[in-house]
């Protein structure tokens, strides 16, 4: 596993080293920092537009971010729907028939 401080130091001392920058991007992905990973991969892609692995990884990160947004929106919609149904007559148990 990469040590982030070493990777950051390497990319800082060699700002045009695409592999070092890519390694930092991978660390962001492994930590679940997808926004930072996307920004990082955009920089790497700008430095090396012909490196297909960089553009492939950028596409993967963007796809994951879109999926995360969709899941978040779905979860938010479910929460909103359940909150709006709380207290409505539809959710109340029917009253028992006590007539004999």
PDB file of N, CA and C in Angstrom:
ATOM      1  N   UNK A   1       0.851  -1.186   0.000  1.00  0.00           N
ATOM      2  CA  UNK A   1       0.000   0.000   0.000  1.00  0.00           C
ATOM      3  C   UNK A   1       0.890   1.240   0.000  1.00  0.00           C
ATOM      4  N   UNK A   2       0.441   2.264  -0.688  1.00  0.00           N
ATOM      5  CA  UNK A   2       1.204   3.498  -0.775  1.00  0.00           C
ATOM      6  C   UNK A   2       1.073   4.294   0.513  1.00  0.00           C
ATOM      7  N   UNK A   3       2.133   4.969   0.871  1.00  0.00           N
ATOM      8  CA  UNK A   3       2.088   5.871   2.017  1.00  0.00           C
ATOM      9  C   UNK A   3       1.793   7.256   1.460  1.00  0.00           C
ATOM     10  N   UNK A   4       0.620   7.847   1.798  1.00  0.00           N
ATOM     11  CA  UNK A   4       0.217   9.118   1.208  1.00  0.00           C
ATOM     12  C   UNK A   4       1.248  10.227   1.335  1.00  0.00           C
ATOM     13  N   UNK A   5       1.904  10.349   2.491  1.00  0.00           N
ATOM     14  CA  UNK A   5       2.861  11.444   2.656  1.00  0.00           C
ATOM     15  C   UNK A   5       4.036  11.275   1.702  1.00  0.00           C
ATOM     16  N   UNK A   6       4.474  10.040   1.487  1.00  0.00           N
ATOM     17  CA  UNK A   6       5.566   9.792   0.549  1.00  0.00           C
ATOM     18  C   UNK A   6       5.101  10.083  -0.867  1.00  0.00           C
ATOM     19  N   UNK A   7       3.902   9.652  -1.195  1.00  0.00           N
ATOM     20  CA  UNK A   7       3.370   9.888  -2.531  1.00  0.00           C
ATOM     21  C   UNK A   7       3.181  11.373  -2.782  1.00  0.00           C
ATOM     22  N   UNK A   8       2.659  12.100  -1.796  1.00  0.00           N
ATOM     23  CA  UNK A   8       2.496  13.546  -1.947  1.00  0.00           C
ATOM     24  C   UNK A   8       3.847  14.215  -2.118  1.00  0.00           C
ATOM     25  N   UNK A   9       4.826  13.786  -1.340  1.00  0.00           N
ATOM     26  CA  UNK A   9       6.162  14.372  -1.448  1.00  0.00           C
ATOM     27  C   UNK A   9       6.741  14.104  -2.821  1.00  0.00           C
ATOM     28  N   UNK A  10       6.548  12.905  -3.317  1.00  0.00           N
ATOM     29  CA  UNK A  10       7.059  12.549  -4.632  1.00  0.00           C
ATOM     30  C   UNK A  10       6.397  13.386  -5.714  1.00  0.00           C
ATOM     31  N   UNK A  11       5.080  13.561  -5.641  1.00  0.00           N
ATOM     32  CA  UNK A  11       4.397  14.351  -6.658  1.00  0.00           C
ATOM     33  C   UNK A  11       4.717  15.835  -6.517  1.00  0.00           C
ATOM     34  N   UNK A  12       5.048  16.277  -5.312  1.00  0.00           N
ATOM     35  CA  UNK A  12       5.411  17.684  -5.107  1.00  0.00           C
ATOM     36  C   UNK A  12       6.801  17.975  -5.664  1.00  0.00           C
ATOM     37  N   UNK A  13       7.724  17.025  -5.503  1.00  0.00           N
ATOM     38  CA  UNK A  13       9.079  17.258  -6.002  1.00  0.00           C
ATOM     39  C   UNK A  13       9.184  17.005  -7.494  1.00  0.00           C
ATOM     40  N   UNK A  14       8.269  16.213  -8.032  1.00  0.00           N
ATOM     41  CA  UNK A  14       8.242  15.929  -9.465  1.00  0.00           C
ATOM     42  C   UNK A  14       6.821  16.168  -9.974  1.00  0.00           C
ATOM     43  N   UNK A  15       6.416  17.428 -10.102  1.00  0.00           N
ATOM     44  CA  UNK A  15       5.021  17.715 -10.424  1.00  0.00           C
ATOM     45  C   UNK A  15       4.569  17.189 -11.786  1.00  0.00           C
ATOM     46  N   UNK A  16       5.516  16.863 -12.665  1.00  0.00           N
ATOM     47  CA  UNK A  16       5.131  16.354 -13.977  1.00  0.00           C
ATOM     48  C   UNK A  16       5.316  14.850 -14.070  1.00  0.00           C
ATOM     49  N   UNK A  17       5.555  14.193 -12.952  1.00  0.00           N
ATOM     50  CA  UNK A  17       5.683  12.744 -12.920  1.00  0.00           C
ATOM     51  C   UNK A  17       4.278  12.155 -12.841  1.00  0.00           C
ATOM     52  N   UNK A  18       3.792  11.701 -13.976  1.00  0.00           N
ATOM     53  CA  UNK A  18       2.419  11.215 -14.069  1.00  0.00           C
ATOM     54  C   UNK A  18       2.203   9.991 -13.189  1.00  0.00           C
ATOM     55  N   UNK A  19       3.178   9.100 -13.144  1.00  0.00           N
ATOM     56  CA  UNK A  19       3.016   7.890 -12.337  1.00  0.00           C
ATOM     57  C   UNK A  19       2.888   8.234 -10.851  1.00  0.00           C
ATOM     58  N   UNK A  20       3.695   9.169 -10.373  1.00  0.00           N
ATOM     59  CA  UNK A  20       3.603   9.575  -8.966  1.00  0.00           C
ATOM     60  C   UNK A  20       2.242  10.214  -8.685  1.00  0.00           C
ATOM     61  N   UNK A  21       1.786  11.050  -9.600  1.00  0.00           N
ATOM     62  CA  UNK A  21       0.475  11.681  -9.436  1.00  0.00           C
ATOM     63  C   UNK A  21      -0.629  10.624  -9.470  1.00  0.00           C
ATOM     64  N   UNK A  22      -0.515   9.695 -10.381  1.00  0.00           N
ATOM     65  CA  UNK A  22      -1.499   8.614 -10.479  1.00  0.00           C
ATOM     66  C   UNK A  22      -1.543   7.810  -9.182  1.00  0.00           C
ATOM     67  N   UNK A  23      -0.382   7.550  -8.597  1.00  0.00           N
ATOM     68  CA  UNK A  23      -0.338   6.825  -7.325  1.00  0.00           C
ATOM     69  C   UNK A  23      -1.112   7.571  -6.238  1.00  0.00           C
ATOM     70  N   UNK A  24      -0.973   8.881  -6.216  1.00  0.00           N
ATOM     71  CA  UNK A  24      -1.729   9.687  -5.257  1.00  0.00           C
ATOM     72  C   UNK A  24      -3.233   9.561  -5.526  1.00  0.00           C
ATOM     73  N   UNK A  25      -3.600   9.558  -6.788  1.00  0.00           N
ATOM     74  CA  UNK A  25      -5.013   9.402  -7.158  1.00  0.00           C
ATOM     75  C   UNK A  25      -5.560   8.069  -6.653  1.00  0.00           C
ATOM     76  N   UNK A  26      -4.751   7.022  -6.772  1.00  0.00           N
ATOM     77  CA  UNK A  26      -5.152   5.692  -6.302  1.00  0.00           C
ATOM     78  C   UNK A  26      -5.379   5.708  -4.790  1.00  0.00           C
ATOM     79  N   UNK A  27      -4.530   6.414  -4.071  1.00  0.00           N
ATOM     80  CA  UNK A  27      -4.699   6.531  -2.617  1.00  0.00           C
ATOM     81  C   UNK A  27      -6.043   7.190  -2.307  1.00  0.00           C
ATOM     82  N   UNK A  28      -6.387   8.232  -3.054  1.00  0.00           N
ATOM     83  CA  UNK A  28      -7.682   8.897  -2.848  1.00  0.00           C
ATOM     84  C   UNK A  28      -8.832   7.913  -3.065  1.00  0.00           C
ATOM     85  N   UNK A  29      -8.740   7.110  -4.125  1.00  0.00           N
ATOM     86  CA  UNK A  29      -9.796   6.128  -4.405  1.00  0.00           C
ATOM     87  C   UNK A  29      -9.894   5.122  -3.266  1.00  0.00           C
ATOM     88  N   UNK A  30      -8.755   4.611  -2.828  1.00  0.00           N
ATOM     89  CA  UNK A  30      -8.749   3.609  -1.754  1.00  0.00           C
ATOM     90  C   UNK A  30      -9.331   4.156  -0.455  1.00  0.00           C
ATOM     91  N   UNK A  31      -9.209   5.438  -0.251  1.00  0.00           N
ATOM     92  CA  UNK A  31      -9.759   6.063   0.961  1.00  0.00           C
ATOM     93  C   UNK A  31     -11.200   6.513   0.780  1.00  0.00           C
ATOM     94  N   UNK A  32     -11.741   6.320  -0.427  1.00  0.00           N
ATOM     95  CA  UNK A  32     -13.119   6.702  -0.690  1.00  0.00           C
ATOM     96  C   UNK A  32     -13.295   8.180  -0.969  1.00  0.00           C
ATOM     97  N   UNK A  33     -12.207   8.879  -1.240  1.00  0.00           N
ATOM     98  CA  UNK A  33     -12.250  10.317  -1.524  1.00  0.00           C
ATOM     99  C   UNK A  33     -12.392  10.504  -3.033  1.00  0.00           C
ATOM    100  N   UNK A  34     -13.589  10.216  -3.533  1.00  0.00           N
ATOM    101  CA  UNK A  34     -13.792  10.161  -4.976  1.00  0.00           C
ATOM    102  C   UNK A  34     -13.698  11.529  -5.654  1.00  0.00           C
ATOM    103  N   UNK A  35     -14.117  12.575  -4.982  1.00  0.00           N
ATOM    104  CA  UNK A  35     -14.011  13.912  -5.576  1.00  0.00           C
ATOM    105  C   UNK A  35     -12.539  14.288  -5.756  1.00  0.00           C
ATOM    106  N   UNK A  36     -11.729  14.034  -4.731  1.00  0.00           N
ATOM    107  CA  UNK A  36     -10.295  14.312  -4.816  1.00  0.00           C
ATOM    108  C   UNK A  36      -9.641  13.429  -5.870  1.00  0.00           C
ATOM    109  N   UNK A  37     -10.078  12.174  -5.945  1.00  0.00           N
ATOM    110  CA  UNK A  37      -9.534  11.251  -6.944  1.00  0.00           C
ATOM    111  C   UNK A  37      -9.836  11.747  -8.350  1.00  0.00           C
ATOM    112  N   UNK A  38     -11.046  12.228  -8.569  1.00  0.00           N
ATOM    113  CA  UNK A  38     -11.414  12.733  -9.897  1.00  0.00           C
ATOM    114  C   UNK A  38     -10.568  13.947 -10.270  1.00  0.00           C
ATOM    115  N   UNK A  39     -10.419  14.884  -9.345  1.00  0.00           N
ATOM    116  CA  UNK A  39      -9.598  16.070  -9.602  1.00  0.00           C
ATOM    117  C   UNK A  39      -8.159  15.673  -9.899  1.00  0.00           C
ATOM    118  N   UNK A  40      -7.641  14.752  -9.116  1.00  0.00           N
ATOM    119  CA  UNK A  40      -6.273  14.270  -9.282  1.00  0.00           C
ATOM    120  C   UNK A  40      -6.091  13.616 -10.655  1.00  0.00           C
ATOM    121  N   UNK A  41      -7.027  12.757 -11.029  1.00  0.00           N
ATOM    122  CA  UNK A  41      -6.935  12.074 -12.319  1.00  0.00           C
ATOM    123  C   UNK A  41      -7.113  13.038 -13.486  1.00  0.00           C
ATOM    124  N   UNK A  42      -7.889  14.090 -13.295  1.00  0.00           N
ATOM    125  CA  UNK A  42      -8.010  15.117 -14.335  1.00  0.00           C
ATOM    126  C   UNK A  42      -6.663  15.791 -14.573  1.00  0.00           C
ATOM    127  N   UNK A  43      -5.938  16.074 -13.481  1.00  0.00           N
ATOM    128  CA  UNK A  43      -4.600  16.668 -13.608  1.00  0.00           C
ATOM    129  C   UNK A  43      -3.655  15.706 -14.315  1.00  0.00           C
ATOM    130  N   UNK A  44      -3.692  14.438 -13.907  1.00  0.00           N
ATOM    131  CA  UNK A  44      -2.822  13.434 -14.529  1.00  0.00           C
ATOM    132  C   UNK A  44      -3.149  13.279 -16.008  1.00  0.00           C
ATOM    133  N   UNK A  45      -4.421  13.306 -16.335  1.00  0.00           N
ATOM    134  CA  UNK A  45      -4.845  13.175 -17.728  1.00  0.00           C
ATOM    135  C   UNK A  45      -4.403  14.374 -18.561  1.00  0.00           C
ATOM    136  N   UNK A  46      -4.445  15.559 -17.960  1.00  0.00           N
ATOM    137  CA  UNK A  46      -3.989  16.761 -18.668  1.00  0.00           C
ATOM    138  C   UNK A  46      -2.486  16.707 -18.924  1.00  0.00           C
ATOM    139  N   UNK A  47      -1.741  16.139 -17.976  1.00  0.00           N
ATOM    140  CA  UNK A  47      -0.290  16.009 -18.138  1.00  0.00           C
ATOM    141  C   UNK A  47       0.077  14.941 -19.160  1.00  0.00           C
ATOM    142  N   UNK A  48      -0.733  13.890 -19.229  1.00  0.00           N
ATOM    143  CA  UNK A  48      -0.414  12.765 -20.116  1.00  0.00           C
ATOM    144  C   UNK A  48      -1.678  12.281 -20.822  1.00  0.00           C
ATOM    145  N   UNK A  49      -2.155  13.057 -21.792  1.00  0.00           N
ATOM    146  CA  UNK A  49      -3.407  12.690 -22.461  1.00  0.00           C
ATOM    147  C   UNK A  49      -3.338  11.366 -23.231  1.00  0.00           C
ATOM    148  N   UNK A  50      -2.137  10.908 -23.551  1.00  0.00           N
ATOM    149  CA  UNK A  50      -1.994   9.656 -24.299  1.00  0.00           C
ATOM    150  C   UNK A  50      -1.878   8.425 -23.407  1.00  0.00           C
ATOM    151  N   UNK A  51      -1.838   8.624 -22.100  1.00  0.00           N
ATOM    152  CA  UNK A  51      -1.769   7.490 -21.172  1.00  0.00           C
ATOM    153  C   UNK A  51      -3.190   6.970 -20.953  1.00  0.00           C
ATOM    154  N   UNK A  52      -3.508   5.889 -21.635  1.00  0.00           N
ATOM    155  CA  UNK A  52      -4.882   5.383 -21.615  1.00  0.00           C
ATOM    156  C   UNK A  52      -5.317   4.884 -20.244  1.00  0.00           C
ATOM    157  N   UNK A  53      -4.382   4.364 -19.462  1.00  0.00           N
ATOM    158  CA  UNK A  53      -4.767   3.874 -18.135  1.00  0.00           C
ATOM    159  C   UNK A  53      -5.269   5.016 -17.259  1.00  0.00           C
ATOM    160  N   UNK A  54      -4.717   6.213 -17.455  1.00  0.00           N
ATOM    161  CA  UNK A  54      -5.165   7.367 -16.664  1.00  0.00           C
ATOM    162  C   UNK A  54      -6.593   7.738 -17.061  1.00  0.00           C
ATOM    163  N   UNK A  55      -6.856   7.816 -18.363  1.00  0.00           N
ATOM    164  CA  UNK A  55      -8.207   8.176 -18.803  1.00  0.00           C
ATOM    165  C   UNK A  55      -9.213   7.083 -18.451  1.00  0.00           C
ATOM    166  N   UNK A  56      -8.785   5.817 -18.491  1.00  0.00           N
ATOM    167  CA  UNK A  56      -9.669   4.724 -18.075  1.00  0.00           C
ATOM    168  C   UNK A  56     -10.034   4.855 -16.599  1.00  0.00           C
ATOM    169  N   UNK A  57      -9.050   5.135 -15.777  1.00  0.00           N
ATOM    170  CA  UNK A  57      -9.303   5.265 -14.342  1.00  0.00           C
ATOM    171  C   UNK A  57     -10.170   6.489 -14.049  1.00  0.00           C
ATOM    172  N   UNK A  58      -9.971   7.552 -14.806  1.00  0.00           N
ATOM    173  CA  UNK A  58     -10.810   8.740 -14.650  1.00  0.00           C
ATOM    174  C   UNK A  58     -12.262   8.396 -14.983  1.00  0.00           C
ATOM    175  N   UNK A  59     -12.471   7.648 -16.053  1.00  0.00           N
ATOM    176  CA  UNK A  59     -13.833   7.225 -16.414  1.00  0.00           C
ATOM    177  C   UNK A  59     -14.459   6.371 -15.316  1.00  0.00           C
ATOM    178  N   UNK A  60     -13.664   5.469 -14.746  1.00  0.00           N
ATOM    179  CA  UNK A  60     -14.160   4.600 -13.674  1.00  0.00           C
ATOM    180  C   UNK A  60     -14.578   5.429 -12.459  1.00  0.00           C
ATOM    181  N   UNK A  61     -13.735   6.384 -12.075  1.00  0.00           N
ATOM    182  CA  UNK A  61     -14.041   7.226 -10.912  1.00  0.00           C
ATOM    183  C   UNK A  61     -15.288   8.057 -11.174  1.00  0.00           C
ATOM    184  N   UNK A  62     -15.416   8.606 -12.372  1.00  0.00           N
ATOM    185  CA  UNK A  62     -16.605   9.406 -12.695  1.00  0.00           C
ATOM    186  C   UNK A  62     -17.868   8.545 -12.651  1.00  0.00           C
ATOM    187  N   UNK A  63     -17.769   7.325 -13.157  1.00  0.00           N
ATOM    188  CA  UNK A  63     -18.915   6.411 -13.115  1.00  0.00           C
ATOM    189  C   UNK A  63     -19.290   6.095 -11.675  1.00  0.00           C
ATOM    190  N   UNK A  64     -18.310   5.822 -10.842  1.00  0.00           N
ATOM    191  CA  UNK A  64     -18.582   5.534  -9.422  1.00  0.00           C
ATOM    192  C   UNK A  64     -19.230   6.727  -8.740  1.00  0.00           C
ATOM    193  N   UNK A  65     -18.736   7.926  -9.055  1.00  0.00           N
ATOM    194  CA  UNK A  65     -19.313   9.124  -8.426  1.00  0.00           C
ATOM    195  C   UNK A  65     -20.766   9.302  -8.841  1.00  0.00           C
ATOM    196  N   UNK A  66     -21.066   9.073 -10.129  1.00  0.00           N
ATOM    197  CA  UNK A  66     -22.455   9.180 -10.588  1.00  0.00           C
ATOM    198  C   UNK A  66     -23.336   8.157  -9.874  1.00  0.00           C
ATOM    199  N   UNK A  67     -22.825   6.935  -9.727  1.00  0.00           N
ATOM    200  CA  UNK A  67     -23.585   5.897  -9.029  1.00  0.00           C
ATOM    201  C   UNK A  67     -23.820   6.280  -7.572  1.00  0.00           C
ATOM    202  N   UNK A  68     -22.817   6.860  -6.940  1.00  0.00           N
ATOM    203  CA  UNK A  68     -22.952   7.282  -5.545  1.00  0.00           C
ATOM    204  C   UNK A  68     -24.016   8.363  -5.413  1.00  0.00           C
ATOM    205  N   UNK A  69     -24.035   9.300  -6.360  1.00  0.00           N
ATOM    206  CA  UNK A  69     -25.028  10.378  -6.332  1.00  0.00           C
ATOM    207  C   UNK A  69     -26.429   9.797  -6.503  1.00  0.00           C
ATOM    208  N   UNK A  70     -26.577   8.844  -7.439  1.00  0.00           N
ATOM    209  CA  UNK A  70     -27.888   8.217  -7.650  1.00  0.00           C
ATOM    210  C   UNK A  70     -28.358   7.496  -6.395  1.00  0.00           C
ATOM    211  N   UNK A  71     -27.451   6.758  -5.751  1.00  0.00           N
ATOM    212  CA  UNK A  71     -27.815   6.036  -4.529  1.00  0.00           C
ATOM    213  C   UNK A  71     -28.224   7.005  -3.432  1.00  0.00           C
ATOM    214  N   UNK A  72     -27.477   8.111  -3.322  1.00  0.00           N
ATOM    215  CA  UNK A  72     -27.794   9.111  -2.304  1.00  0.00           C
ATOM    216  C   UNK A  72     -29.171   9.717  -2.558  1.00  0.00           C
ATOM    217  N   UNK A  73     -29.451  10.029  -3.836  1.00  0.00           N
ATOM    218  CA  UNK A  73     -30.751  10.615  -4.174  1.00  0.00           C
ATOM    219  C   UNK A  73     -31.877   9.628  -3.893  1.00  0.00           C
ATOM    220  N   UNK A  74     -31.650   8.351  -4.228  1.00  0.00           N
ATOM    221  CA  UNK A  74     -32.669   7.333  -3.956  1.00  0.00           C
ATOM    222  C   UNK A  74     -32.922   7.207  -2.463  1.00  0.00           C
ATOM    223  N   UNK A  75     -31.855   7.190  -1.687  1.00  0.00           N
ATOM    224  CA  UNK A  75     -31.993   7.091  -0.229  1.00  0.00           C
ATOM    225  C   UNK A  75     -32.719   8.311   0.321  1.00  0.00           C
ATOM    226  N   UNK A  76     -32.373   9.494  -0.192  1.00  0.00           N
ATOM    227  CA  UNK A  76     -33.042  10.720   0.260  1.00  0.00           C
ATOM    228  C   UNK A  76     -34.524  10.688  -0.095  1.00  0.00           C
ATOM    229  N   UNK A  77     -34.841  10.208  -1.303  1.00  0.00           N
ATOM    230  CA  UNK A  77     -36.245  10.122  -1.717  1.00  0.00           C
ATOM    231  C   UNK A  77     -37.023   9.155  -0.833  1.00  0.00           C
ATOM    232  N   UNK A  78     -36.402   8.027  -0.472  1.00  0.00           N
ATOM    233  CA  UNK A  78     -37.064   7.074   0.420  1.00  0.00           C
ATOM    234  C   UNK A  78     -37.310   7.688   1.792  1.00  0.00           C
ATOM    235  N   UNK A  79     -36.331   8.424   2.296  1.00  0.00           N
ATOM    236  CA  UNK A  79     -36.495   9.082   3.594  1.00  0.00           C
ATOM    237  C   UNK A  79     -37.630  10.091   3.540  1.00  0.00           C
ATOM    238  N   UNK A  80     -37.654  10.870   2.459  1.00  0.00           N
ATOM    239  CA  UNK A  80     -38.698  11.887   2.316  1.00  0.00           C
ATOM    240  C   UNK A  80     -40.069  11.226   2.221  1.00  0.00           C
ATOM    241  N   UNK A  81     -40.161  10.141   1.470  1.00  0.00           N
ATOM    242  CA  UNK A  81     -41.438   9.449   1.310  1.00  0.00           C
ATOM    243  C   UNK A  81     -41.903   8.863   2.635  1.00  0.00           C
ATOM    244  N   UNK A  82     -40.989   8.280   3.381  1.00  0.00           N
ATOM    245  CA  UNK A  82     -41.398   7.692   4.660  1.00  0.00           C
ATOM    246  C   UNK A  82     -41.783   8.774   5.659  1.00  0.00           C
ATOM    247  N   UNK A  83     -41.113   9.906   5.626  1.00  0.00           N
ATOM    248  CA  UNK A  83     -41.470  11.004   6.531  1.00  0.00           C
ATOM    249  C   UNK A  83     -42.827  11.581   6.172  1.00  0.00           C
ATOM    250  N   UNK A  84     -43.131  11.671   4.874  1.00  0.00           N
ATOM    251  CA  UNK A  84     -44.407  12.259   4.470  1.00  0.00           C
ATOM    252  C   UNK A  84     -45.571  11.330   4.788  1.00  0.00           C
ATOM    253  N   UNK A  85     -45.308  10.034   4.915  1.00  0.00           N
ATOM    254  CA  UNK A  85     -46.373   9.083   5.250  1.00  0.00           C
ATOM    255  C   UNK A  85     -46.602   8.955   6.745  1.00  0.00           C
ATOM    256  N   UNK A  86     -45.674   9.405   7.545  1.00  0.00           N
ATOM    257  CA  UNK A  86     -45.835   9.322   8.998  1.00  0.00           C
ATOM    258  C   UNK A  86     -46.990  10.227   9.413  1.00  0.00           C
ATOM    259  N   UNK A  87     -47.907   9.666  10.162  1.00  0.00           N
ATOM    260  CA  UNK A  87     -49.039  10.459  10.637  1.00  0.00           C
ATOM    261  C   UNK A  87     -50.222  10.464   9.697  1.00  0.00           C
ATOM    262  N   UNK A  88     -50.086   9.880   8.528  1.00  0.00           N
ATOM    263  CA  UNK A  88     -51.235   9.851   7.630  1.00  0.00           C
ATOM    264  C   UNK A  88     -52.142   8.696   8.025  1.00  0.00           C
ATOM    265  N   UNK A  89     -53.394   8.790   7.674  1.00  0.00           N
ATOM    266  CA  UNK A  89     -54.370   7.758   8.030  1.00  0.00           C
ATOM    267  C   UNK A  89     -54.041   6.418   7.392  1.00  0.00           C
ATOM    268  N   UNK A  90     -53.332   6.430   6.266  1.00  0.00           N
ATOM    269  CA  UNK A  90     -52.997   5.187   5.574  1.00  0.00           C
ATOM    270  C   UNK A  90     -52.129   4.289   6.437  1.00  0.00           C
ATOM    271  N   UNK A  91     -51.310   4.875   7.280  1.00  0.00           N
ATOM    272  CA  UNK A  91     -50.365   4.100   8.071  1.00  0.00           C
ATOM    273  C   UNK A  91     -50.919   3.655   9.417  1.00  0.00           C
ATOM    274  N   UNK A  92     -52.132   4.061   9.729  1.00  0.00           N
ATOM    275  CA  UNK A  92     -52.718   3.676  11.007  1.00  0.00           C
ATOM    276  C   UNK A  92     -53.311   2.281  10.908  1.00  0.00           C
ATOM    277  N   UNK A  93     -53.197   1.531  11.989  1.00  0.00           N
ATOM    278  CA  UNK A  93     -53.799   0.199  12.030  1.00  0.00           C
ATOM    279  C   UNK A  93     -55.313   0.365  12.067  1.00  0.00           C
ATOM    280  N   UNK A  94     -56.023  -0.536  11.417  1.00  0.00           N
ATOM    281  CA  UNK A  94     -57.488  -0.410  11.440  1.00  0.00           C
ATOM    282  C   UNK A  94     -58.013  -0.612  12.857  1.00  0.00           C
ATOM    283  N   UNK A  95     -59.066   0.111  13.161  1.00  0.00           N
ATOM    284  CA  UNK A  95     -59.663  -0.013  14.491  1.00  0.00           C
ATOM    285  C   UNK A  95     -60.370  -1.354  14.584  1.00  0.00           C
ATOM    286  N   UNK A  96     -60.223  -2.020  15.712  1.00  0.00           N
ATOM    287  CA  UNK A  96     -60.878  -3.334  15.845  1.00  0.00           C
ATOM    288  C   UNK A  96     -62.392  -3.179  15.924  1.00  0.00           C
ATOM    289  N   UNK A  97     -63.082  -4.154  15.383  1.00  0.00           N
ATOM    290  CA  UNK A  97     -64.541  -4.163  15.426  1.00  0.00           C
ATOM    291  C   UNK A  97     -64.960  -4.801  16.745  1.00  0.00           C
ATOM    292  N   UNK A  98     -65.504  -4.003  17.654  1.00  0.00           N
ATOM    293  CA  UNK A  98     -65.856  -4.483  18.986  1.00  0.00           C
ATOM    294  C   UNK A  98     -67.335  -4.842  19.110  1.00  0.00           C
ATOM    295  N   UNK A  99     -68.079  -4.815  18.032  1.00  0.00           N
ATOM    296  CA  UNK A  99     -69.504  -5.139  18.087  1.00  0.00           C
ATOM    297  C   UNK A  99     -69.679  -6.652  18.180  1.00  0.00           C
ATOM    298  N   UNK A 100     -70.572  -7.066  19.029  1.00  0.00           N
ATOM    299  CA  UNK A 100     -70.850  -8.502  19.163  1.00  0.00           C
ATOM    300  C   UNK A 100     -72.276  -8.824  18.857  1.00  0.00           C
TER     301      UNK A 100
END
